[in-house]
mmCIF file of all heavy atoms, coordinates in Angstrom:
data_MODEL
# 
_entry.id   MODEL 
# 
loop_
_atom_site.group_PDB 
_atom_site.id 
_atom_site.type_symbol 
_atom_site.label_atom_id 
_atom_site.label_alt_id 
_atom_site.label_comp_id 
_atom_site.label_asym_id 
_atom_site.label_entity_id 
_atom_site.label_seq_id 
_atom_site.pdbx_PDB_ins_code 
_atom_site.Cartn_x 
_atom_site.Cartn_y 
_atom_site.Cartn_z 
_atom_site.occupancy 
_atom_site.B_iso_or_equiv 
_atom_site.pdbx_formal_charge 
_atom_site.auth_seq_id 
_atom_site.auth_comp_id 
_atom_site.auth_asym_id 
_atom_site.auth_atom_id 
_atom_site.pdbx_PDB_model_num 
ATOM 1   N N   . ASP A 1 1  ? -2.571 -21.876 10.952  1.00 0.00 ? 1  ASP A N   1 
ATOM 2   C CA  . ASP A 1 1  ? -2.485 -21.946 9.543   1.00 0.00 ? 1  ASP A CA  1 
ATOM 3   C C   . ASP A 1 1  ? -0.999 -22.090 9.085   1.00 0.00 ? 1  ASP A C   1 
ATOM 4   O O   . ASP A 1 1  ? -0.697 -21.634 8.045   1.00 0.00 ? 1  ASP A O   1 
ATOM 5   C CB  . ASP A 1 1  ? -3.149 -20.752 8.884   1.00 0.00 ? 1  ASP A CB  1 
ATOM 6   C CG  . ASP A 1 1  ? -3.867 -21.112 7.583   1.00 0.00 ? 1  ASP A CG  1 
ATOM 7   O OD1 . ASP A 1 1  ? -3.793 -22.288 7.157   1.00 0.00 ? 1  ASP A OD1 1 
ATOM 8   O OD2 . ASP A 1 1  ? -4.412 -20.176 6.898   1.00 0.00 ? 1  ASP A OD2 1 
ATOM 9   N N   . ALA A 1 2  ? -0.221 -22.629 9.974   1.00 0.00 ? 2  ALA A N   1 
ATOM 10  C CA  . ALA A 1 2  ? 1.222  -22.572 9.795   1.00 0.00 ? 2  ALA A CA  1 
ATOM 11  C C   . ALA A 1 2  ? 1.746  -23.264 8.492   1.00 0.00 ? 2  ALA A C   1 
ATOM 12  O O   . ALA A 1 2  ? 2.657  -22.775 7.859   1.00 0.00 ? 2  ALA A O   1 
ATOM 13  C CB  . ALA A 1 2  ? 1.917  -23.242 11.005  1.00 0.00 ? 2  ALA A CB  1 
ATOM 14  N N   . SER A 1 3  ? 1.083  -24.308 8.114   1.00 0.00 ? 3  SER A N   1 
ATOM 15  C CA  . SER A 1 3  ? 1.400  -24.957 6.889   1.00 0.00 ? 3  SER A CA  1 
ATOM 16  C C   . SER A 1 3  ? 1.265  -24.135 5.633   1.00 0.00 ? 3  SER A C   1 
ATOM 17  O O   . SER A 1 3  ? 2.010  -24.312 4.699   1.00 0.00 ? 3  SER A O   1 
ATOM 18  C CB  . SER A 1 3  ? 0.631  -26.264 6.675   1.00 0.00 ? 3  SER A CB  1 
ATOM 19  O OG  . SER A 1 3  ? -0.702 -25.955 6.556   1.00 0.00 ? 3  SER A OG  1 
ATOM 20  N N   . ARG A 1 4  ? 0.365  -23.127 5.711   1.00 0.00 ? 4  ARG A N   1 
ATOM 21  C CA  . ARG A 1 4  ? 0.188  -22.256 4.594   1.00 0.00 ? 4  ARG A CA  1 
ATOM 22  C C   . ARG A 1 4  ? 1.091  -20.992 4.711   1.00 0.00 ? 4  ARG A C   1 
ATOM 23  O O   . ARG A 1 4  ? 1.740  -20.559 3.720   1.00 0.00 ? 4  ARG A O   1 
ATOM 24  C CB  . ARG A 1 4  ? -1.280 -21.824 4.516   1.00 0.00 ? 4  ARG A CB  1 
ATOM 25  C CG  . ARG A 1 4  ? -1.430 -20.692 3.408   1.00 0.00 ? 4  ARG A CG  1 
ATOM 26  C CD  . ARG A 1 4  ? -2.890 -20.259 3.379   1.00 0.00 ? 4  ARG A CD  1 
ATOM 27  N NE  . ARG A 1 4  ? -3.312 -19.562 4.607   1.00 0.00 ? 4  ARG A NE  1 
ATOM 28  C CZ  . ARG A 1 4  ? -3.090 -18.227 4.758   1.00 0.00 ? 4  ARG A CZ  1 
ATOM 29  N NH1 . ARG A 1 4  ? -2.400 -17.541 3.933   1.00 0.00 ? 4  ARG A NH1 1 
ATOM 30  N NH2 . ARG A 1 4  ? -3.503 -17.743 5.907   1.00 0.00 ? 4  ARG A NH2 1 
ATOM 31  N N   . ILE A 1 5  ? 1.213  -20.426 5.854   1.00 0.00 ? 5  ILE A N   1 
ATOM 32  C CA  . ILE A 1 5  ? 1.973  -19.164 6.041   1.00 0.00 ? 5  ILE A CA  1 
ATOM 33  C C   . ILE A 1 5  ? 3.417  -19.302 5.759   1.00 0.00 ? 5  ILE A C   1 
ATOM 34  O O   . ILE A 1 5  ? 4.153  -18.329 5.387   1.00 0.00 ? 5  ILE A O   1 
ATOM 35  C CB  . ILE A 1 5  ? 1.692  -18.515 7.393   1.00 0.00 ? 5  ILE A CB  1 
ATOM 36  C CG1 . ILE A 1 5  ? 2.300  -19.314 8.457   1.00 0.00 ? 5  ILE A CG1 1 
ATOM 37  C CG2 . ILE A 1 5  ? 0.222  -18.230 7.563   1.00 0.00 ? 5  ILE A CG2 1 
ATOM 38  C CD1 . ILE A 1 5  ? 2.229  -18.609 9.829   1.00 0.00 ? 5  ILE A CD1 1 
ATOM 39  N N   . GLN A 1 6  ? 3.958  -20.535 5.890   1.00 0.00 ? 6  GLN A N   1 
ATOM 40  C CA  . GLN A 1 6  ? 5.452  -20.718 5.633   1.00 0.00 ? 6  GLN A CA  1 
ATOM 41  C C   . GLN A 1 6  ? 5.700  -20.678 4.110   1.00 0.00 ? 6  GLN A C   1 
ATOM 42  O O   . GLN A 1 6  ? 6.890  -20.565 3.698   1.00 0.00 ? 6  GLN A O   1 
ATOM 43  C CB  . GLN A 1 6  ? 5.910  -21.974 6.242   1.00 0.00 ? 6  GLN A CB  1 
ATOM 44  C CG  . GLN A 1 6  ? 5.355  -23.283 5.583   1.00 0.00 ? 6  GLN A CG  1 
ATOM 45  C CD  . GLN A 1 6  ? 6.024  -24.499 6.106   1.00 0.00 ? 6  GLN A CD  1 
ATOM 46  O OE1 . GLN A 1 6  ? 7.194  -24.540 6.226   1.00 0.00 ? 6  GLN A OE1 1 
ATOM 47  N NE2 . GLN A 1 6  ? 5.217  -25.541 6.329   1.00 0.00 ? 6  GLN A NE2 1 
ATOM 48  N N   . GLN A 1 7  ? 4.676  -20.780 3.312   1.00 0.00 ? 7  GLN A N   1 
ATOM 49  C CA  . GLN A 1 7  ? 4.798  -20.846 1.852   1.00 0.00 ? 7  GLN A CA  1 
ATOM 50  C C   . GLN A 1 7  ? 4.587  -19.394 1.307   1.00 0.00 ? 7  GLN A C   1 
ATOM 51  O O   . GLN A 1 7  ? 3.580  -18.786 1.572   1.00 0.00 ? 7  GLN A O   1 
ATOM 52  C CB  . GLN A 1 7  ? 3.769  -21.792 1.231   1.00 0.00 ? 7  GLN A CB  1 
ATOM 53  C CG  . GLN A 1 7  ? 3.949  -23.175 1.728   1.00 0.00 ? 7  GLN A CG  1 
ATOM 54  C CD  . GLN A 1 7  ? 2.878  -24.150 1.160   1.00 0.00 ? 7  GLN A CD  1 
ATOM 55  O OE1 . GLN A 1 7  ? 1.673  -23.712 1.209   1.00 0.00 ? 7  GLN A OE1 1 
ATOM 56  N NE2 . GLN A 1 7  ? 3.190  -25.264 0.657   1.00 0.00 ? 7  GLN A NE2 1 
ATOM 57  N N   . ARG A 1 8  ? 5.552  -18.869 0.574   1.00 0.00 ? 8  ARG A N   1 
ATOM 58  C CA  . ARG A 1 8  ? 5.455  -17.470 0.209   1.00 0.00 ? 8  ARG A CA  1 
ATOM 59  C C   . ARG A 1 8  ? 5.656  -17.352 -1.379  1.00 0.00 ? 8  ARG A C   1 
ATOM 60  O O   . ARG A 1 8  ? 6.260  -18.152 -1.976  1.00 0.00 ? 8  ARG A O   1 
ATOM 61  C CB  . ARG A 1 8  ? 6.580  -16.650 0.868   1.00 0.00 ? 8  ARG A CB  1 
ATOM 62  C CG  . ARG A 1 8  ? 6.698  -16.793 2.373   1.00 0.00 ? 8  ARG A CG  1 
ATOM 63  C CD  . ARG A 1 8  ? 5.339  -16.652 3.120   1.00 0.00 ? 8  ARG A CD  1 
ATOM 64  N NE  . ARG A 1 8  ? 4.460  -15.562 2.664   1.00 0.00 ? 8  ARG A NE  1 
ATOM 65  C CZ  . ARG A 1 8  ? 3.214  -15.391 3.114   1.00 0.00 ? 8  ARG A CZ  1 
ATOM 66  N NH1 . ARG A 1 8  ? 2.691  -16.349 3.928   1.00 0.00 ? 8  ARG A NH1 1 
ATOM 67  N NH2 . ARG A 1 8  ? 2.520  -14.417 2.632   1.00 0.00 ? 8  ARG A NH2 1 
ATOM 68  N N   . MET A 1 9  ? 5.041  -16.248 -1.862  1.00 0.00 ? 9  MET A N   1 
ATOM 69  C CA  . MET A 1 9  ? 5.189  -15.907 -3.259  1.00 0.00 ? 9  MET A CA  1 
ATOM 70  C C   . MET A 1 9  ? 6.529  -15.064 -3.451  1.00 0.00 ? 9  MET A C   1 
ATOM 71  O O   . MET A 1 9  ? 6.651  -13.996 -2.907  1.00 0.00 ? 9  MET A O   1 
ATOM 72  C CB  . MET A 1 9  ? 4.049  -15.067 -3.728  1.00 0.00 ? 9  MET A CB  1 
ATOM 73  C CG  . MET A 1 9  ? 4.120  -14.663 -5.197  1.00 0.00 ? 9  MET A CG  1 
ATOM 74  S SD  . MET A 1 9  ? 2.878  -13.358 -5.648  1.00 0.00 ? 9  MET A SD  1 
ATOM 75  C CE  . MET A 1 9  ? 3.616  -11.911 -4.920  1.00 0.00 ? 9  MET A CE  1 
ATOM 76  N N   . HIS A 1 10 ? 7.516  -15.752 -4.014  1.00 0.00 ? 10 HIS A N   1 
ATOM 77  C CA  . HIS A 1 10 ? 8.864  -15.190 -4.054  1.00 0.00 ? 10 HIS A CA  1 
ATOM 78  C C   . HIS A 1 10 ? 9.190  -14.583 -5.449  1.00 0.00 ? 10 HIS A C   1 
ATOM 79  O O   . HIS A 1 10 ? 10.272 -14.066 -5.676  1.00 0.00 ? 10 HIS A O   1 
ATOM 80  C CB  . HIS A 1 10 ? 9.851  -16.291 -3.727  1.00 0.00 ? 10 HIS A CB  1 
ATOM 81  C CG  . HIS A 1 10 ? 11.166 -15.833 -3.247  1.00 0.00 ? 10 HIS A CG  1 
ATOM 82  N ND1 . HIS A 1 10 ? 12.358 -16.160 -3.912  1.00 0.00 ? 10 HIS A ND1 1 
ATOM 83  C CD2 . HIS A 1 10 ? 11.542 -14.908 -2.269  1.00 0.00 ? 10 HIS A CD2 1 
ATOM 84  C CE1 . HIS A 1 10 ? 13.420 -15.681 -3.292  1.00 0.00 ? 10 HIS A CE1 1 
ATOM 85  N NE2 . HIS A 1 10 ? 12.890 -14.891 -2.287  1.00 0.00 ? 10 HIS A NE2 1 
ATOM 86  N N   . ASN A 1 11 ? 8.166  -14.614 -6.384  1.00 0.00 ? 11 ASN A N   1 
ATOM 87  C CA  . ASN A 1 11 ? 8.416  -14.088 -7.769  1.00 0.00 ? 11 ASN A CA  1 
ATOM 88  C C   . ASN A 1 11 ? 8.644  -12.644 -7.784  1.00 0.00 ? 11 ASN A C   1 
ATOM 89  O O   . ASN A 1 11 ? 8.234  -11.917 -6.890  1.00 0.00 ? 11 ASN A O   1 
ATOM 90  C CB  . ASN A 1 11 ? 7.142  -14.341 -8.573  1.00 0.00 ? 11 ASN A CB  1 
ATOM 91  C CG  . ASN A 1 11 ? 6.522  -15.706 -8.402  1.00 0.00 ? 11 ASN A CG  1 
ATOM 92  O OD1 . ASN A 1 11 ? 6.491  -16.273 -7.334  1.00 0.00 ? 11 ASN A OD1 1 
ATOM 93  N ND2 . ASN A 1 11 ? 6.072  -16.351 -9.522  1.00 0.00 ? 11 ASN A ND2 1 
ATOM 94  N N   . LYS A 1 12 ? 9.422  -12.156 -8.739  1.00 0.00 ? 12 LYS A N   1 
ATOM 95  C CA  . LYS A 1 12 ? 9.758  -10.763 -8.982  1.00 0.00 ? 12 LYS A CA  1 
ATOM 96  C C   . LYS A 1 12 ? 9.553  -10.366 -10.438 1.00 0.00 ? 12 LYS A C   1 
ATOM 97  O O   . LYS A 1 12 ? 10.283 -10.885 -11.323 1.00 0.00 ? 12 LYS A O   1 
ATOM 98  C CB  . LYS A 1 12 ? 11.180 -10.408 -8.532  1.00 0.00 ? 12 LYS A CB  1 
ATOM 99  C CG  . LYS A 1 12 ? 11.475 -10.383 -7.078  1.00 0.00 ? 12 LYS A CG  1 
ATOM 100 C CD  . LYS A 1 12 ? 12.081 -11.635 -6.520  1.00 0.00 ? 12 LYS A CD  1 
ATOM 101 C CE  . LYS A 1 12 ? 12.451 -11.437 -5.123  1.00 0.00 ? 12 LYS A CE  1 
ATOM 102 N NZ  . LYS A 1 12 ? 12.912 -12.765 -4.514  1.00 0.00 ? 12 LYS A NZ  1 
ATOM 103 N N   . LEU A 1 13 ? 8.626  -9.458  -10.714 1.00 0.00 ? 13 LEU A N   1 
ATOM 104 C CA  . LEU A 1 13 ? 8.391  -8.970  -12.040 1.00 0.00 ? 13 LEU A CA  1 
ATOM 105 C C   . LEU A 1 13 ? 8.132  -7.444  -12.006 1.00 0.00 ? 13 LEU A C   1 
ATOM 106 O O   . LEU A 1 13 ? 7.424  -6.959  -11.051 1.00 0.00 ? 13 LEU A O   1 
ATOM 107 C CB  . LEU A 1 13 ? 7.155  -9.679  -12.642 1.00 0.00 ? 13 LEU A CB  1 
ATOM 108 C CG  . LEU A 1 13 ? 7.313  -11.179 -13.023 1.00 0.00 ? 13 LEU A CG  1 
ATOM 109 C CD1 . LEU A 1 13 ? 5.916  -11.712 -13.474 1.00 0.00 ? 13 LEU A CD1 1 
ATOM 110 C CD2 . LEU A 1 13 ? 8.388  -11.378 -14.119 1.00 0.00 ? 13 LEU A CD2 1 
ATOM 111 N N   . PHE A 1 14 ? 8.540  -6.798  -13.080 1.00 0.00 ? 14 PHE A N   1 
ATOM 112 C CA  . PHE A 1 14 ? 8.261  -5.318  -13.211 1.00 0.00 ? 14 PHE A CA  1 
ATOM 113 C C   . PHE A 1 14 ? 8.067  -5.183  -14.690 1.00 0.00 ? 14 PHE A C   1 
ATOM 114 O O   . PHE A 1 14 ? 8.958  -5.097  -15.523 1.00 0.00 ? 14 PHE A O   1 
ATOM 115 C CB  . PHE A 1 14 ? 9.491  -4.547  -12.726 1.00 0.00 ? 14 PHE A CB  1 
ATOM 116 C CG  . PHE A 1 14 ? 9.230  -3.074  -12.414 1.00 0.00 ? 14 PHE A CG  1 
ATOM 117 C CD1 . PHE A 1 14 ? 9.336  -2.620  -11.168 1.00 0.00 ? 14 PHE A CD1 1 
ATOM 118 C CD2 . PHE A 1 14 ? 8.743  -2.260  -13.425 1.00 0.00 ? 14 PHE A CD2 1 
ATOM 119 C CE1 . PHE A 1 14 ? 9.114  -1.248  -10.806 1.00 0.00 ? 14 PHE A CE1 1 
ATOM 120 C CE2 . PHE A 1 14 ? 8.496  -0.905  -13.100 1.00 0.00 ? 14 PHE A CE2 1 
ATOM 121 C CZ  . PHE A 1 14 ? 8.687  -0.433  -11.794 1.00 0.00 ? 14 PHE A CZ  1 
ATOM 122 N N   . LEU A 1 15 ? 6.782  -5.074  -15.130 1.00 0.00 ? 15 LEU A N   1 
ATOM 123 C CA  . LEU A 1 15 ? 6.378  -5.169  -16.577 1.00 0.00 ? 15 LEU A CA  1 
ATOM 124 C C   . LEU A 1 15 ? 5.729  -3.860  -17.022 1.00 0.00 ? 15 LEU A C   1 
ATOM 125 O O   . LEU A 1 15 ? 4.840  -3.339  -16.331 1.00 0.00 ? 15 LEU A O   1 
ATOM 126 C CB  . LEU A 1 15 ? 5.453  -6.353  -16.755 1.00 0.00 ? 15 LEU A CB  1 
ATOM 127 C CG  . LEU A 1 15 ? 5.886  -7.735  -16.173 1.00 0.00 ? 15 LEU A CG  1 
ATOM 128 C CD1 . LEU A 1 15 ? 4.717  -8.717  -16.316 1.00 0.00 ? 15 LEU A CD1 1 
ATOM 129 C CD2 . LEU A 1 15 ? 7.136  -8.174  -16.776 1.00 0.00 ? 15 LEU A CD2 1 
ATOM 130 N N   . ALA A 1 16 ? 6.145  -3.389  -18.197 1.00 0.00 ? 16 ALA A N   1 
ATOM 131 C CA  . ALA A 1 16 ? 5.546  -2.191  -18.818 1.00 0.00 ? 16 ALA A CA  1 
ATOM 132 C C   . ALA A 1 16 ? 4.963  -2.454  -20.145 1.00 0.00 ? 16 ALA A C   1 
ATOM 133 O O   . ALA A 1 16 ? 5.640  -2.980  -21.033 1.00 0.00 ? 16 ALA A O   1 
ATOM 134 C CB  . ALA A 1 16 ? 6.626  -1.138  -18.881 1.00 0.00 ? 16 ALA A CB  1 
ATOM 135 N N   . ASP A 1 17 ? 3.633  -2.181  -20.313 1.00 0.00 ? 17 ASP A N   1 
ATOM 136 C CA  . ASP A 1 17 ? 2.989  -2.301  -21.592 1.00 0.00 ? 17 ASP A CA  1 
ATOM 137 C C   . ASP A 1 17 ? 3.111  -3.679  -22.288 1.00 0.00 ? 17 ASP A C   1 
ATOM 138 O O   . ASP A 1 17 ? 3.009  -3.778  -23.470 1.00 0.00 ? 17 ASP A O   1 
ATOM 139 C CB  . ASP A 1 17 ? 3.430  -1.173  -22.533 1.00 0.00 ? 17 ASP A CB  1 
ATOM 140 C CG  . ASP A 1 17 ? 2.933  0.230   -22.143 1.00 0.00 ? 17 ASP A CG  1 
ATOM 141 O OD1 . ASP A 1 17 ? 2.030  0.273   -21.302 1.00 0.00 ? 17 ASP A OD1 1 
ATOM 142 O OD2 . ASP A 1 17 ? 3.454  1.202   -22.733 1.00 0.00 ? 17 ASP A OD2 1 
ATOM 143 N N   . ASN A 1 18 ? 3.354  -4.623  -21.430 1.00 0.00 ? 18 ASN A N   1 
ATOM 144 C CA  . ASN A 1 18 ? 3.425  -6.035  -21.923 1.00 0.00 ? 18 ASN A CA  1 
ATOM 145 C C   . ASN A 1 18 ? 4.530  -6.166  -23.001 1.00 0.00 ? 18 ASN A C   1 
ATOM 146 O O   . ASN A 1 18 ? 4.381  -7.164  -23.877 1.00 0.00 ? 18 ASN A O   1 
ATOM 147 C CB  . ASN A 1 18 ? 2.100  -6.527  -22.460 1.00 0.00 ? 18 ASN A CB  1 
ATOM 148 C CG  . ASN A 1 18 ? 1.962  -8.035  -22.452 1.00 0.00 ? 18 ASN A CG  1 
ATOM 149 O OD1 . ASN A 1 18 ? 2.789  -8.675  -21.861 1.00 0.00 ? 18 ASN A OD1 1 
ATOM 150 N ND2 . ASN A 1 18 ? 0.914  -8.547  -23.059 1.00 0.00 ? 18 ASN A ND2 1 
ATOM 151 N N   . VAL A 1 19 ? 5.447  -5.375  -23.023 1.00 0.00 ? 19 VAL A N   1 
ATOM 152 C CA  . VAL A 1 19 ? 6.516  -5.533  -24.117 1.00 0.00 ? 19 VAL A CA  1 
ATOM 153 C C   . VAL A 1 19 ? 7.933  -5.298  -23.586 1.00 0.00 ? 19 VAL A C   1 
ATOM 154 O O   . VAL A 1 19 ? 8.935  -5.750  -24.144 1.00 0.00 ? 19 VAL A O   1 
ATOM 155 C CB  . VAL A 1 19 ? 6.282  -4.385  -25.193 1.00 0.00 ? 19 VAL A CB  1 
ATOM 156 C CG1 . VAL A 1 19 ? 6.614  -3.030  -24.680 1.00 0.00 ? 19 VAL A CG1 1 
ATOM 157 C CG2 . VAL A 1 19 ? 7.069  -4.704  -26.471 1.00 0.00 ? 19 VAL A CG2 1 
ATOM 158 N N   . LEU A 1 20 ? 8.098  -4.764  -22.355 1.00 0.00 ? 20 LEU A N   1 
ATOM 159 C CA  . LEU A 1 20 ? 9.450  -4.638  -21.672 1.00 0.00 ? 20 LEU A CA  1 
ATOM 160 C C   . LEU A 1 20 ? 9.218  -5.049  -20.197 1.00 0.00 ? 20 LEU A C   1 
ATOM 161 O O   . LEU A 1 20 ? 8.166  -4.739  -19.549 1.00 0.00 ? 20 LEU A O   1 
ATOM 162 C CB  . LEU A 1 20 ? 9.943  -3.245  -21.752 1.00 0.00 ? 20 LEU A CB  1 
ATOM 163 C CG  . LEU A 1 20 ? 10.765 -2.921  -23.042 1.00 0.00 ? 20 LEU A CG  1 
ATOM 164 C CD1 . LEU A 1 20 ? 10.858 -1.378  -23.129 1.00 0.00 ? 20 LEU A CD1 1 
ATOM 165 C CD2 . LEU A 1 20 ? 12.089 -3.587  -23.136 1.00 0.00 ? 20 LEU A CD2 1 
ATOM 166 N N   . GLY A 1 21 ? 10.123 -5.835  -19.664 1.00 0.00 ? 21 GLY A N   1 
ATOM 167 C CA  . GLY A 1 21 ? 10.014 -6.253  -18.258 1.00 0.00 ? 21 GLY A CA  1 
ATOM 168 C C   . GLY A 1 21 ? 11.311 -6.643  -17.607 1.00 0.00 ? 21 GLY A C   1 
ATOM 169 O O   . GLY A 1 21 ? 12.252 -7.044  -18.297 1.00 0.00 ? 21 GLY A O   1 
ATOM 170 N N   . VAL A 1 22 ? 11.372 -6.527  -16.319 1.00 0.00 ? 22 VAL A N   1 
ATOM 171 C CA  . VAL A 1 22 ? 12.564 -6.923  -15.521 1.00 0.00 ? 22 VAL A CA  1 
ATOM 172 C C   . VAL A 1 22 ? 12.197 -8.087  -14.625 1.00 0.00 ? 22 VAL A C   1 
ATOM 173 O O   . VAL A 1 22 ? 11.142 -8.034  -13.962 1.00 0.00 ? 22 VAL A O   1 
ATOM 174 C CB  . VAL A 1 22 ? 13.068 -5.737  -14.687 1.00 0.00 ? 22 VAL A CB  1 
ATOM 175 C CG1 . VAL A 1 22 ? 14.187 -6.178  -13.760 1.00 0.00 ? 22 VAL A CG1 1 
ATOM 176 C CG2 . VAL A 1 22 ? 13.476 -4.550  -15.587 1.00 0.00 ? 22 VAL A CG2 1 
ATOM 177 N N   . THR A 1 23 ? 13.011 -9.058  -14.573 1.00 0.00 ? 23 THR A N   1 
ATOM 178 C CA  . THR A 1 23 ? 12.871 -10.100 -13.583 1.00 0.00 ? 23 THR A CA  1 
ATOM 179 C C   . THR A 1 23 ? 14.219 -10.514 -13.040 1.00 0.00 ? 23 THR A C   1 
ATOM 180 O O   . THR A 1 23 ? 15.263 -10.198 -13.651 1.00 0.00 ? 23 THR A O   1 
ATOM 181 C CB  . THR A 1 23 ? 12.114 -11.381 -14.236 1.00 0.00 ? 23 THR A CB  1 
ATOM 182 O OG1 . THR A 1 23 ? 11.838 -12.305 -13.154 1.00 0.00 ? 23 THR A OG1 1 
ATOM 183 C CG2 . THR A 1 23 ? 13.023 -12.132 -15.255 1.00 0.00 ? 23 THR A CG2 1 
ATOM 184 N N   . GLY A 1 24 ? 14.267 -11.230 -11.956 1.00 0.00 ? 24 GLY A N   1 
ATOM 185 C CA  . GLY A 1 24 ? 15.528 -11.613 -11.354 1.00 0.00 ? 24 GLY A CA  1 
ATOM 186 C C   . GLY A 1 24 ? 15.394 -11.652 -9.839  1.00 0.00 ? 24 GLY A C   1 
ATOM 187 O O   . GLY A 1 24 ? 14.346 -12.172 -9.378  1.00 0.00 ? 24 GLY A O   1 
ATOM 188 N N   . GLY A 1 25 ? 16.456 -11.286 -9.126  1.00 0.00 ? 25 GLY A N   1 
ATOM 189 C CA  . GLY A 1 25 ? 16.499 -11.522 -7.747  1.00 0.00 ? 25 GLY A CA  1 
ATOM 190 C C   . GLY A 1 25 ? 16.020 -10.366 -6.791  1.00 0.00 ? 25 GLY A C   1 
ATOM 191 O O   . GLY A 1 25 ? 15.715 -10.558 -5.681  1.00 0.00 ? 25 GLY A O   1 
# 
């Protein structure tokens, strides 16, 4: 399944009460 496993979810989120959140590296 190499064509799939090389693709990764690289997103970064830290969300509180849908009103404050941190994103970045």
